[in-house]
């Protein structure tokens, strides 16, 4: 599990010690699913849509997308 967040570059919490990854096409293609849990204006959601195999969208970022690739909460 990794995360990307342009506002929170690292996370230390209850034994977790994580660093935000670089958001690249190659990285996105390597994941089984990408979870969109926030709606930041600084995130390239088009890049995610074009390169992720499956997207679980809990923030309704892809409300206009009508395909099986996007699962909405």
PDB file of N, CA and C in Angstrom:
ATOM      1  N   UNK A   1       0.842  -1.170   0.000  1.00  0.00           N
ATOM      2  CA  UNK A   1       0.000   0.000   0.000  1.00  0.00           C
ATOM      3  C   UNK A   1       0.891   1.238   0.000  1.00  0.00           C
ATOM      4  N   UNK A   2       0.533   2.190  -0.825  1.00  0.00           N
ATOM      5  CA  UNK A   2       1.200   3.483  -0.896  1.00  0.00           C
ATOM      6  C   UNK A   2       0.129   4.565  -0.900  1.00  0.00           C
ATOM      7  N   UNK A   3       0.566   5.784  -0.805  1.00  0.00           N
ATOM      8  CA  UNK A   3      -0.380   6.890  -0.938  1.00  0.00           C
ATOM      9  C   UNK A   3       0.290   8.054  -1.643  1.00  0.00           C
ATOM     10  N   UNK A   4      -0.559   8.905  -2.229  1.00  0.00           N
ATOM     11  CA  UNK A   4      -0.089  10.148  -2.833  1.00  0.00           C
ATOM     12  C   UNK A   4      -0.950  11.265  -2.288  1.00  0.00           C
ATOM     13  N   UNK A   5      -0.307  12.303  -1.801  1.00  0.00           N
ATOM     14  CA  UNK A   5      -1.014  13.497  -1.340  1.00  0.00           C
ATOM     15  C   UNK A   5      -0.056  14.675  -1.452  1.00  0.00           C
ATOM     16  N   UNK A   6      -0.397  15.679  -2.259  1.00  0.00           N
ATOM     17  CA  UNK A   6       0.493  16.825  -2.427  1.00  0.00           C
ATOM     18  C   UNK A   6       0.580  17.716  -1.189  1.00  0.00           C
ATOM     19  N   UNK A   7      -0.341  17.545  -0.253  1.00  0.00           N
ATOM     20  CA  UNK A   7      -0.361  18.378   0.946  1.00  0.00           C
ATOM     21  C   UNK A   7       0.328  17.696   2.130  1.00  0.00           C
ATOM     22  N   UNK A   8       0.261  16.371   2.186  1.00  0.00           N
ATOM     23  CA  UNK A   8       0.848  15.621   3.291  1.00  0.00           C
ATOM     24  C   UNK A   8       1.964  14.731   2.737  1.00  0.00           C
ATOM     25  N   UNK A   9       3.216  15.202   2.775  1.00  0.00           N
ATOM     26  CA  UNK A   9       4.326  14.465   2.162  1.00  0.00           C
ATOM     27  C   UNK A   9       4.770  13.226   2.943  1.00  0.00           C
ATOM     28  N   UNK A  10       4.447  13.151   4.228  1.00  0.00           N
ATOM     29  CA  UNK A  10       4.794  11.967   5.015  1.00  0.00           C
ATOM     30  C   UNK A  10       3.759  11.775   6.108  1.00  0.00           C
ATOM     31  N   UNK A  11       3.692  10.534   6.605  1.00  0.00           N
ATOM     32  CA  UNK A  11       2.709  10.200   7.622  1.00  0.00           C
ATOM     33  C   UNK A  11       3.362   9.291   8.654  1.00  0.00           C
ATOM     34  N   UNK A  12       3.347   9.722   9.896  1.00  0.00           N
ATOM     35  CA  UNK A  12       3.834   8.907  11.009  1.00  0.00           C
ATOM     36  C   UNK A  12       2.703   8.817  12.017  1.00  0.00           C
ATOM     37  N   UNK A  13       2.180   7.588  12.179  1.00  0.00           N
ATOM     38  CA  UNK A  13       1.017   7.417  13.038  1.00  0.00           C
ATOM     39  C   UNK A  13       0.944   5.971  13.520  1.00  0.00           C
ATOM     40  N   UNK A  14       0.968   5.765  14.812  1.00  0.00           N
ATOM     41  CA  UNK A  14       0.826   4.426  15.400  1.00  0.00           C
ATOM     42  C   UNK A  14       1.684   3.373  14.711  1.00  0.00           C
ATOM     43  N   UNK A  15       2.946   3.645  14.536  1.00  0.00           N
ATOM     44  CA  UNK A  15       3.858   2.685  13.933  1.00  0.00           C
ATOM     45  C   UNK A  15       3.971   2.774  12.428  1.00  0.00           C
ATOM     46  N   UNK A  16       3.099   3.520  11.781  1.00  0.00           N
ATOM     47  CA  UNK A  16       3.205   3.738  10.341  1.00  0.00           C
ATOM     48  C   UNK A  16       4.254   4.805  10.075  1.00  0.00           C
ATOM     49  N   UNK A  17       5.040   4.584   9.068  1.00  0.00           N
ATOM     50  CA  UNK A  17       6.043   5.562   8.659  1.00  0.00           C
ATOM     51  C   UNK A  17       6.039   5.573   7.131  1.00  0.00           C
ATOM     52  N   UNK A  18       5.151   6.369   6.552  1.00  0.00           N
ATOM     53  CA  UNK A  18       4.937   6.376   5.107  1.00  0.00           C
ATOM     54  C   UNK A  18       5.347   7.705   4.494  1.00  0.00           C
ATOM     55  N   UNK A  19       5.733   7.645   3.222  1.00  0.00           N
ATOM     56  CA  UNK A  19       6.079   8.837   2.460  1.00  0.00           C
ATOM     57  C   UNK A  19       5.232   8.854   1.189  1.00  0.00           C
ATOM     58  N   UNK A  20       4.699  10.001   0.853  1.00  0.00           N
ATOM     59  CA  UNK A  20       3.898  10.146  -0.360  1.00  0.00           C
ATOM     60  C   UNK A  20       4.737   9.792  -1.589  1.00  0.00           C
ATOM     61  N   UNK A  21       4.162   8.987  -2.481  1.00  0.00           N
ATOM     62  CA  UNK A  21       4.876   8.564  -3.689  1.00  0.00           C
ATOM     63  C   UNK A  21       4.796   9.640  -4.765  1.00  0.00           C
ATOM     64  N   UNK A  22       5.614   9.504  -5.803  1.00  0.00           N
ATOM     65  CA  UNK A  22       5.475  10.332  -7.002  1.00  0.00           C
ATOM     66  C   UNK A  22       4.352   9.728  -7.837  1.00  0.00           C
ATOM     67  N   UNK A  23       3.452  10.556  -8.307  1.00  0.00           N
ATOM     68  CA  UNK A  23       2.319  10.086  -9.099  1.00  0.00           C
ATOM     69  C   UNK A  23       2.727  10.060 -10.567  1.00  0.00           C
ATOM     70  N   UNK A  24       3.006   8.855 -11.074  1.00  0.00           N
ATOM     71  CA  UNK A  24       3.447   8.689 -12.454  1.00  0.00           C
ATOM     72  C   UNK A  24       2.596   7.623 -13.138  1.00  0.00           C
ATOM     73  N   UNK A  25       2.543   7.648 -14.469  1.00  0.00           N
ATOM     74  CA  UNK A  25       1.806   6.598 -15.178  1.00  0.00           C
ATOM     75  C   UNK A  25       2.300   5.197 -14.830  1.00  0.00           C
ATOM     76  N   UNK A  26       3.596   5.010 -14.759  1.00  0.00           N
ATOM     77  CA  UNK A  26       4.156   3.688 -14.454  1.00  0.00           C
ATOM     78  C   UNK A  26       3.721   3.209 -13.074  1.00  0.00           C
ATOM     79  N   UNK A  27       3.756   4.080 -12.085  1.00  0.00           N
ATOM     80  CA  UNK A  27       3.328   3.714 -10.727  1.00  0.00           C
ATOM     81  C   UNK A  27       1.851   3.322 -10.729  1.00  0.00           C
ATOM     82  N   UNK A  28       1.012   4.137 -11.354  1.00  0.00           N
ATOM     83  CA  UNK A  28      -0.426   3.883 -11.383  1.00  0.00           C
ATOM     84  C   UNK A  28      -0.752   2.554 -12.048  1.00  0.00           C
ATOM     85  N   UNK A  29      -0.064   2.228 -13.106  1.00  0.00           N
ATOM     86  CA  UNK A  29      -0.310   0.973 -13.830  1.00  0.00           C
ATOM     87  C   UNK A  29       0.079  -0.249 -13.003  1.00  0.00           C
ATOM     88  N   UNK A  30       0.903  -0.056 -11.990  1.00  0.00           N
ATOM     89  CA  UNK A  30       1.359  -1.160 -11.161  1.00  0.00           C
ATOM     90  C   UNK A  30       0.411  -1.564 -10.039  1.00  0.00           C
ATOM     91  N   UNK A  31      -0.629  -0.791  -9.795  1.00  0.00           N
ATOM     92  CA  UNK A  31      -1.559  -1.081  -8.703  1.00  0.00           C
ATOM     93  C   UNK A  31      -2.804  -1.801  -9.223  1.00  0.00           C
ATOM     94  N   UNK A  32      -3.355  -2.689  -8.394  1.00  0.00           N
ATOM     95  CA  UNK A  32      -4.606  -3.363  -8.737  1.00  0.00           C
ATOM     96  C   UNK A  32      -5.781  -2.390  -8.677  1.00  0.00           C
ATOM     97  N   UNK A  33      -5.741  -1.486  -7.706  1.00  0.00           N
ATOM     98  CA  UNK A  33      -6.810  -0.500  -7.543  1.00  0.00           C
ATOM     99  C   UNK A  33      -6.218   0.787  -6.968  1.00  0.00           C
ATOM    100  N   UNK A  34      -6.791   1.904  -7.373  1.00  0.00           N
ATOM    101  CA  UNK A  34      -6.436   3.211  -6.821  1.00  0.00           C
ATOM    102  C   UNK A  34      -7.680   3.737  -6.109  1.00  0.00           C
ATOM    103  N   UNK A  35      -7.521   4.116  -4.850  1.00  0.00           N
ATOM    104  CA  UNK A  35      -8.626   4.658  -4.068  1.00  0.00           C
ATOM    105  C   UNK A  35      -8.490   6.177  -4.037  1.00  0.00           C
ATOM    106  N   UNK A  36      -9.523   6.861  -4.495  1.00  0.00           N
ATOM    107  CA  UNK A  36      -9.559   8.327  -4.425  1.00  0.00           C
ATOM    108  C   UNK A  36     -10.347   8.679  -3.168  1.00  0.00           C
ATOM    109  N   UNK A  37      -9.612   9.118  -2.132  1.00  0.00           N
ATOM    110  CA  UNK A  37     -10.230   9.387  -0.840  1.00  0.00           C
ATOM    111  C   UNK A  37     -10.330  10.874  -0.523  1.00  0.00           C
ATOM    112  N   UNK A  38      -9.701  11.712  -1.339  1.00  0.00           N
ATOM    113  CA  UNK A  38      -9.747  13.166  -1.144  1.00  0.00           C
ATOM    114  C   UNK A  38      -9.974  13.839  -2.492  1.00  0.00           C
ATOM    115  N   UNK A  39     -10.380  15.080  -2.453  1.00  0.00           N
ATOM    116  CA  UNK A  39     -10.622  15.850  -3.668  1.00  0.00           C
ATOM    117  C   UNK A  39      -9.783  17.124  -3.607  1.00  0.00           C
ATOM    118  N   UNK A  40      -8.486  16.987  -3.957  1.00  0.00           N
ATOM    119  CA  UNK A  40      -7.567  18.125  -3.953  1.00  0.00           C
ATOM    120  C   UNK A  40      -7.473  18.714  -5.351  1.00  0.00           C
ATOM    121  N   UNK A  41      -7.438  20.017  -5.458  1.00  0.00           N
ATOM    122  CA  UNK A  41      -7.286  20.656  -6.763  1.00  0.00           C
ATOM    123  C   UNK A  41      -5.893  20.431  -7.347  1.00  0.00           C
ATOM    124  N   UNK A  42      -4.926  20.059  -6.516  1.00  0.00           N
ATOM    125  CA  UNK A  42      -3.554  19.862  -6.982  1.00  0.00           C
ATOM    126  C   UNK A  42      -3.297  18.448  -7.528  1.00  0.00           C
ATOM    127  N   UNK A  43      -4.293  17.573  -7.489  1.00  0.00           N
ATOM    128  CA  UNK A  43      -4.129  16.195  -7.975  1.00  0.00           C
ATOM    129  C   UNK A  43      -4.558  16.118  -9.435  1.00  0.00           C
ATOM    130  N   UNK A  44      -3.752  15.437 -10.241  1.00  0.00           N
ATOM    131  CA  UNK A  44      -4.071  15.255 -11.653  1.00  0.00           C
ATOM    132  C   UNK A  44      -4.971  14.021 -11.797  1.00  0.00           C
ATOM    133  N   UNK A  45      -6.271  14.217 -11.672  1.00  0.00           N
ATOM    134  CA  UNK A  45      -7.219  13.109 -11.726  1.00  0.00           C
ATOM    135  C   UNK A  45      -7.325  12.519 -13.121  1.00  0.00           C
ATOM    136  N   UNK A  46      -7.034  13.287 -14.146  1.00  0.00           N
ATOM    137  CA  UNK A  46      -7.022  12.763 -15.509  1.00  0.00           C
ATOM    138  C   UNK A  46      -5.890  11.745 -15.673  1.00  0.00           C
ATOM    139  N   UNK A  47      -4.731  12.042 -15.094  1.00  0.00           N
ATOM    140  CA  UNK A  47      -3.605  11.110 -15.119  1.00  0.00           C
ATOM    141  C   UNK A  47      -3.983   9.785 -14.440  1.00  0.00           C
ATOM    142  N   UNK A  48      -4.659   9.877 -13.323  1.00  0.00           N
ATOM    143  CA  UNK A  48      -5.102   8.676 -12.617  1.00  0.00           C
ATOM    144  C   UNK A  48      -6.076   7.895 -13.486  1.00  0.00           C
ATOM    145  N   UNK A  49      -7.062   8.577 -14.044  1.00  0.00           N
ATOM    146  CA  UNK A  49      -8.079   7.910 -14.865  1.00  0.00           C
ATOM    147  C   UNK A  49      -7.459   7.203 -16.078  1.00  0.00           C
ATOM    148  N   UNK A  50      -6.530   7.848 -16.725  1.00  0.00           N
ATOM    149  CA  UNK A  50      -5.919   7.274 -17.922  1.00  0.00           C
ATOM    150  C   UNK A  50      -5.027   6.070 -17.616  1.00  0.00           C
ATOM    151  N   UNK A  51      -4.467   5.977 -16.417  1.00  0.00           N
ATOM    152  CA  UNK A  51      -3.450   4.961 -16.142  1.00  0.00           C
ATOM    153  C   UNK A  51      -3.829   3.905 -15.105  1.00  0.00           C
ATOM    154  N   UNK A  52      -4.819   4.147 -14.295  1.00  0.00           N
ATOM    155  CA  UNK A  52      -5.215   3.163 -13.285  1.00  0.00           C
ATOM    156  C   UNK A  52      -6.075   2.073 -13.918  1.00  0.00           C
ATOM    157  N   UNK A  53      -5.899   0.850 -13.437  1.00  0.00           N
ATOM    158  CA  UNK A  53      -6.713  -0.267 -13.935  1.00  0.00           C
ATOM    159  C   UNK A  53      -8.125  -0.224 -13.368  1.00  0.00           C
ATOM    160  N   UNK A  54      -8.239   0.144 -12.097  1.00  0.00           N
ATOM    161  CA  UNK A  54      -9.513   0.211 -11.409  1.00  0.00           C
ATOM    162  C   UNK A  54      -9.438   1.355 -10.409  1.00  0.00           C
ATOM    163  N   UNK A  55     -10.509   2.125 -10.313  1.00  0.00           N
ATOM    164  CA  UNK A  55     -10.548   3.278  -9.403  1.00  0.00           C
ATOM    165  C   UNK A  55     -11.753   3.136  -8.483  1.00  0.00           C
ATOM    166  N   UNK A  56     -11.516   3.218  -7.179  1.00  0.00           N
ATOM    167  CA  UNK A  56     -12.589   3.260  -6.190  1.00  0.00           C
ATOM    168  C   UNK A  56     -12.694   4.712  -5.743  1.00  0.00           C
ATOM    169  N   UNK A  57     -13.746   5.378  -6.175  1.00  0.00           N
ATOM    170  CA  UNK A  57     -13.908   6.827  -5.995  1.00  0.00           C
ATOM    171  C   UNK A  57     -14.883   7.118  -4.859  1.00  0.00           C
ATOM    172  N   UNK A  58     -14.371   7.445  -3.691  1.00  0.00           N
ATOM    173  CA  UNK A  58     -15.235   7.759  -2.547  1.00  0.00           C
ATOM    174  C   UNK A  58     -15.564   9.251  -2.452  1.00  0.00           C
ATOM    175  N   UNK A  59     -14.982  10.072  -3.307  1.00  0.00           N
ATOM    176  CA  UNK A  59     -15.217  11.519  -3.286  1.00  0.00           C
ATOM    177  C   UNK A  59     -16.022  12.018  -4.487  1.00  0.00           C
ATOM    178  N   UNK A  60     -16.451  11.112  -5.358  1.00  0.00           N
ATOM    179  CA  UNK A  60     -17.248  11.452  -6.534  1.00  0.00           C
ATOM    180  C   UNK A  60     -16.504  12.373  -7.501  1.00  0.00           C
ATOM    181  N   UNK A  61     -15.200  12.187  -7.580  1.00  0.00           N
ATOM    182  CA  UNK A  61     -14.359  12.959  -8.492  1.00  0.00           C
ATOM    183  C   UNK A  61     -14.701  12.618  -9.945  1.00  0.00           C
ATOM    184  N   UNK A  62     -15.042  11.353 -10.173  1.00  0.00           N
ATOM    185  CA  UNK A  62     -15.329  10.879 -11.532  1.00  0.00           C
ATOM    186  C   UNK A  62     -16.832  10.714 -11.759  1.00  0.00           C
ATOM    187  N   UNK A  63     -17.616  11.640 -11.260  1.00  0.00           N
ATOM    188  CA  UNK A  63     -19.086  11.539 -11.353  1.00  0.00           C
ATOM    189  C   UNK A  63     -19.589  11.465 -12.788  1.00  0.00           C
ATOM    190  N   UNK A  64     -18.837  12.024 -13.740  1.00  0.00           N
ATOM    191  CA  UNK A  64     -19.271  12.013 -15.131  1.00  0.00           C
ATOM    192  C   UNK A  64     -18.768  10.803 -15.917  1.00  0.00           C
ATOM    193  N   UNK A  65     -17.944   9.970 -15.303  1.00  0.00           N
ATOM    194  CA  UNK A  65     -17.401   8.782 -15.979  1.00  0.00           C
ATOM    195  C   UNK A  65     -18.389   7.633 -15.827  1.00  0.00           C
ATOM    196  N   UNK A  66     -18.718   7.003 -16.936  1.00  0.00           N
ATOM    197  CA  UNK A  66     -19.701   5.922 -16.946  1.00  0.00           C
ATOM    198  C   UNK A  66     -19.078   4.647 -17.496  1.00  0.00           C
ATOM    199  N   UNK A  67     -18.066   4.127 -16.832  1.00  0.00           N
ATOM    200  CA  UNK A  67     -17.491   2.869 -17.273  1.00  0.00           C
ATOM    201  C   UNK A  67     -17.182   1.970 -16.079  1.00  0.00           C
ATOM    202  N   UNK A  68     -16.884   0.708 -16.346  1.00  0.00           N
ATOM    203  CA  UNK A  68     -16.648  -0.276 -15.298  1.00  0.00           C
ATOM    204  C   UNK A  68     -15.344  -0.058 -14.554  1.00  0.00           C
ATOM    205  N   UNK A  69     -14.499   0.774 -15.075  1.00  0.00           N
ATOM    206  CA  UNK A  69     -13.196   1.066 -14.456  1.00  0.00           C
ATOM    207  C   UNK A  69     -13.355   1.872 -13.168  1.00  0.00           C
ATOM    208  N   UNK A  70     -14.438   2.632 -13.048  1.00  0.00           N
ATOM    209  CA  UNK A  70     -14.668   3.503 -11.900  1.00  0.00           C
ATOM    210  C   UNK A  70     -15.810   2.953 -11.053  1.00  0.00           C
ATOM    211  N   UNK A  71     -15.492   2.651  -9.792  1.00  0.00           N
ATOM    212  CA  UNK A  71     -16.495   2.212  -8.835  1.00  0.00           C
ATOM    213  C   UNK A  71     -16.713   3.365  -7.877  1.00  0.00           C
ATOM    214  N   UNK A  72     -17.969   3.764  -7.733  1.00  0.00           N
ATOM    215  CA  UNK A  72     -18.289   4.918  -6.882  1.00  0.00           C
ATOM    216  C   UNK A  72     -18.949   4.467  -5.595  1.00  0.00           C
ATOM    217  N   UNK A  73     -18.692   5.187  -4.528  1.00  0.00           N
ATOM    218  CA  UNK A  73     -19.288   4.877  -3.238  1.00  0.00           C
ATOM    219  C   UNK A  73     -20.686   5.434  -3.171  1.00  0.00           C
TER     220      UNK A  73
END
